[in-house]
C-alpha cells in the first residue's frame, strides 16, 4: 500500500502536465476481438500516450511448474505509457499517423485475475501481475480497423516465486470513437 500513493501521485502529475502536440490522437476508444475487451488511449504529449486495456488476455500461467509452456485466458487490466518514436519518419515517407499508427516503446504493467489456482500444494485465490517494458507497432486505418502487437520482458509477481518472463500482447479490433489532433497530417 505504501508504494501505491507515490505511483498515483506520479500518474496525476503526468496527466496534469500533459501538453497535446501535433502527432498523437487526443483520445480513442477501441473494441478488441482477439482479446475481447476495450482499450482506451489518451494523448499525453507530442509523441506519447497512456493506453489502458481491460480484456480477457492470453497470458503465462505462473501458478504452474513451467509457466513458459502453460498459457491461459485471464481477465486483465493492462496499462502502458507509449512513446511513439517514428511519427516524423512516417510523415516524411507520406504515411499516415491516424489512430496513432506508429512504432512505440512502453513501460507496461498488468493485473491479471485468474481465479483460484493451486501452487505448491496451496490454493491461491489472489491476482498476479507483471511490470516490464515492451516494443510494439500499432496501425489504424480510415475504416476504423486497428491492430497492435507488442512484446518484451517483464517481471511477474504474485503468490508464487517471481521471475522474468516474456510478455506478448495482440489487439485486433475497431476504433469506436476518437478525438483527432493530428494537424495537417
Protein backbone atom coordinates (compact mmCIF):
# COMPACT_ATOMS: atom_id res chain seq x y z
CA UNK A 1 0.00 0.00 0.00
CA UNK A 2 2.90 2.37 0.72
CA UNK A 3 4.02 2.15 -2.92
CA UNK A 4 0.57 2.93 -4.35
CA UNK A 5 0.46 6.57 -3.20
CA UNK A 6 3.71 7.63 -4.96
CA UNK A 7 2.58 5.86 -8.14
CA UNK A 8 -0.78 7.64 -8.06
CA UNK A 9 0.92 10.99 -7.46
CA UNK A 10 3.26 10.36 -10.40
CA UNK A 11 0.32 9.36 -12.61
CA UNK A 12 -1.64 12.52 -11.81
CA UNK A 13 1.47 14.69 -12.24
CA UNK A 14 1.97 13.28 -15.75
CA UNK A 15 -1.70 13.79 -16.63
CA UNK A 16 -1.72 17.31 -15.16
CA UNK A 17 1.38 18.44 -17.02
CA UNK A 18 0.44 16.84 -20.33
CA UNK A 19 0.58 19.05 -23.35
CA UNK A 20 -1.03 17.93 -26.54
CA UNK A 21 1.01 18.06 -29.70
CA UNK A 22 0.52 17.52 -33.37
CA UNK A 23 1.32 13.82 -33.58
CA UNK A 24 -0.94 11.86 -31.20
CA UNK A 25 -4.69 11.46 -31.11
CA UNK A 26 -6.15 13.19 -28.04
CA UNK A 27 -8.16 10.09 -27.21
CA UNK A 28 -9.57 6.98 -28.82
CA UNK A 29 -11.67 4.06 -27.65
CA UNK A 30 -11.28 0.67 -29.31
CA UNK A 31 -13.05 -2.67 -29.09
CA UNK A 32 -10.72 -5.70 -29.33
CA UNK A 33 -11.76 -9.02 -30.83
CA UNK A 34 -8.65 -11.18 -30.27
CA UNK A 35 -8.58 -10.33 -26.56
CA UNK A 36 -12.25 -9.48 -26.06
CA UNK A 37 -12.48 -6.16 -24.27
CA UNK A 38 -11.97 -2.42 -24.55
CA UNK A 39 -8.89 -0.25 -24.92
CA UNK A 40 -8.66 3.49 -24.25
CA UNK A 41 -5.68 5.54 -25.46
CA UNK A 42 -5.18 9.07 -24.15
CA UNK A 43 -2.68 11.52 -25.69
CA UNK A 44 -0.19 12.77 -23.09
CA UNK A 45 2.28 14.72 -25.19
CA UNK A 46 3.67 15.23 -28.65
CA UNK A 47 4.57 11.57 -29.19
CA UNK A 48 3.28 9.81 -26.07
CA UNK A 49 0.03 8.24 -24.92
CA UNK A 50 -1.42 6.38 -21.95
CA UNK A 51 -3.02 3.11 -23.08
CA UNK A 52 -5.41 1.26 -20.74
CA UNK A 53 -6.85 -2.11 -21.75
CA UNK A 54 -9.47 -4.18 -19.90
CA UNK A 55 -9.90 -7.54 -21.61
CA UNK A 56 -9.69 -11.31 -21.47
CA UNK A 57 -5.99 -11.69 -22.20
CA UNK A 58 -3.89 -14.71 -23.10
CA UNK A 59 -1.00 -14.94 -20.68
CA UNK A 60 1.52 -17.16 -18.98
CA UNK A 61 0.19 -19.19 -16.09
CA UNK A 62 2.84 -18.60 -13.38
CA UNK A 63 0.96 -20.89 -10.97
CA UNK A 64 2.29 -23.90 -12.91
CA UNK A 65 5.67 -25.56 -12.58
CA UNK A 66 6.75 -24.42 -16.06
CA UNK A 67 4.96 -21.12 -16.88
CA UNK A 68 6.65 -20.68 -20.28
CA UNK A 69 4.81 -23.76 -21.57
CA UNK A 70 1.43 -23.07 -19.96
CA UNK A 71 -0.92 -20.33 -21.17
CA UNK A 72 -4.48 -19.45 -20.27
CA UNK A 73 -7.02 -16.63 -20.74
CA UNK A 74 -7.38 -14.32 -17.75
CA UNK A 75 -9.39 -11.17 -17.08
CA UNK A 76 -6.73 -8.46 -17.16
CA UNK A 77 -6.15 -4.75 -16.77
CA UNK A 78 -3.09 -3.59 -18.71
CA UNK A 79 -1.54 -0.11 -18.65
CA UNK A 80 1.19 1.19 -20.97
CA UNK A 81 2.75 4.63 -21.37
CA UNK A 82 3.64 4.53 -25.06
CA UNK A 83 6.31 6.69 -26.68
CA UNK A 84 5.93 6.65 -30.48
CA UNK A 85 9.39 7.18 -31.94
CA UNK A 86 8.80 7.11 -35.71
CA UNK A 87 5.98 9.61 -36.41
CA UNK A 88 8.32 12.07 -38.16
CA UNK A 89 9.77 9.34 -40.37
CA UNK A 90 6.24 8.20 -41.28
CA UNK A 91 5.32 11.80 -42.17
CA UNK A 92 8.44 12.18 -44.37
CA UNK A 93 7.59 8.94 -46.18
CA UNK A 94 3.98 10.05 -46.81
CA UNK A 95 2.41 7.56 -44.40
CA UNK A 96 -0.48 8.46 -42.13
CA UNK A 97 -0.45 8.58 -38.34
CA UNK A 98 -4.24 8.20 -37.96
CA UNK A 99 -5.10 6.29 -34.81
CA UNK A 100 -1.51 6.63 -33.58
CA UNK A 101 -0.16 4.44 -36.37
CA UNK A 102 3.47 4.06 -35.46
CA UNK A 103 6.12 2.09 -33.58
CA UNK A 104 6.44 2.52 -29.83
CA UNK A 105 8.36 1.60 -26.72
CA UNK A 106 6.43 1.46 -23.45
CA UNK A 107 6.76 0.60 -19.81
CA UNK A 108 3.91 -1.82 -19.16
CA UNK A 109 2.10 -3.13 -16.12
CA UNK A 110 -0.77 -5.58 -15.85
CA UNK A 111 -3.01 -7.04 -13.20
CA UNK A 112 -4.48 -10.44 -14.04
CA UNK A 113 -7.21 -12.19 -12.03
CA UNK A 114 -7.07 -15.92 -12.72
CA UNK A 115 -9.46 -17.11 -10.02
CA UNK A 116 -8.41 -19.92 -7.68
CA UNK A 117 -5.24 -21.74 -8.73
CA UNK A 118 -3.16 -24.38 -6.96
CA UNK A 119 0.52 -23.70 -6.48
CA UNK A 120 2.97 -25.54 -4.22
CA UNK A 121 0.09 -27.61 -2.77
CA UNK A 122 -1.77 -24.43 -1.72
CA UNK A 123 -4.88 -22.91 -3.22
CA UNK A 124 -4.20 -19.31 -4.22
CA UNK A 125 -7.14 -17.02 -4.78
CA UNK A 126 -5.26 -13.80 -5.49
CA UNK A 127 -4.41 -11.88 -8.59
CA UNK A 128 -0.95 -11.63 -10.09
CA UNK A 129 0.70 -9.11 -12.31
CA UNK A 130 3.76 -8.02 -14.17
CA UNK A 131 5.84 -4.92 -14.80
CA UNK A 132 8.17 -4.62 -17.75
CA UNK A 133 9.00 -2.87 -20.97
CA UNK A 134 7.63 -3.68 -24.42
CA UNK A 135 8.31 -2.67 -28.01
CA UNK A 136 5.39 -2.64 -30.40
CA UNK A 137 3.67 -1.42 -33.53
CA UNK A 138 0.17 -0.05 -33.94
CA UNK A 139 -1.65 0.55 -37.20
CA UNK A 140 -5.09 2.07 -37.70
CA UNK A 141 -6.97 2.65 -40.94
CA UNK A 142 -9.63 5.12 -42.09
CA UNK A 143 -12.22 2.32 -41.91
CA UNK A 144 -11.62 2.17 -38.14
CA UNK A 145 -9.83 -1.19 -38.25
CA UNK A 146 -6.91 -1.20 -35.83
CA UNK A 147 -4.27 -3.65 -34.65
CA UNK A 148 -1.29 -3.56 -32.36
CA UNK A 149 1.37 -6.05 -31.36
CA UNK A 150 3.88 -5.60 -28.55
CA UNK A 151 6.40 -7.85 -26.80
CA UNK A 152 9.16 -7.64 -24.25
CA UNK A 153 10.47 -8.89 -20.91
CA UNK A 154 8.55 -8.44 -17.66
CA UNK A 155 8.90 -9.37 -14.03
CA UNK A 156 5.92 -11.42 -12.86
CA UNK A 157 4.84 -11.12 -9.22
CA UNK A 158 2.18 -12.71 -7.09
CA UNK A 159 1.65 -15.67 -4.73
CA UNK A 160 4.46 -17.64 -6.40
CA UNK A 161 8.18 -17.28 -6.93
CA UNK A 162 8.51 -14.23 -9.17
CA UNK A 163 10.64 -14.23 -12.27
CA UNK A 164 11.34 -12.59 -15.59
CA UNK A 165 9.26 -13.98 -18.42
CA UNK A 166 8.18 -12.72 -21.85
CA UNK A 167 5.09 -10.58 -22.46
CA UNK A 168 3.29 -10.66 -25.81
CA UNK A 169 0.09 -8.70 -26.50
CA UNK A 170 -2.04 -8.68 -29.66
CA UNK A 171 -5.02 -6.37 -30.17
CA UNK A 172 -7.21 -6.55 -33.26
CA UNK A 173 -10.41 -4.56 -33.44
CA UNK A 174 -12.17 -1.33 -34.33
CA UNK A 175 -11.89 2.26 -33.18
CA UNK A 176 -15.30 3.10 -31.70
CA UNK A 177 -14.69 6.79 -31.11
CA UNK A 178 -11.79 9.18 -31.40
CA UNK A 179 -10.84 12.80 -30.94
CA UNK A 180 -8.41 13.85 -33.66
CA UNK A 181 -5.39 16.06 -33.08
CA UNK A 182 -3.08 15.30 -36.00
CA UNK A 183 -2.93 18.71 -37.68
CA UNK A 184 -2.41 18.59 -41.42
CA UNK A 185 -1.02 15.09 -41.39
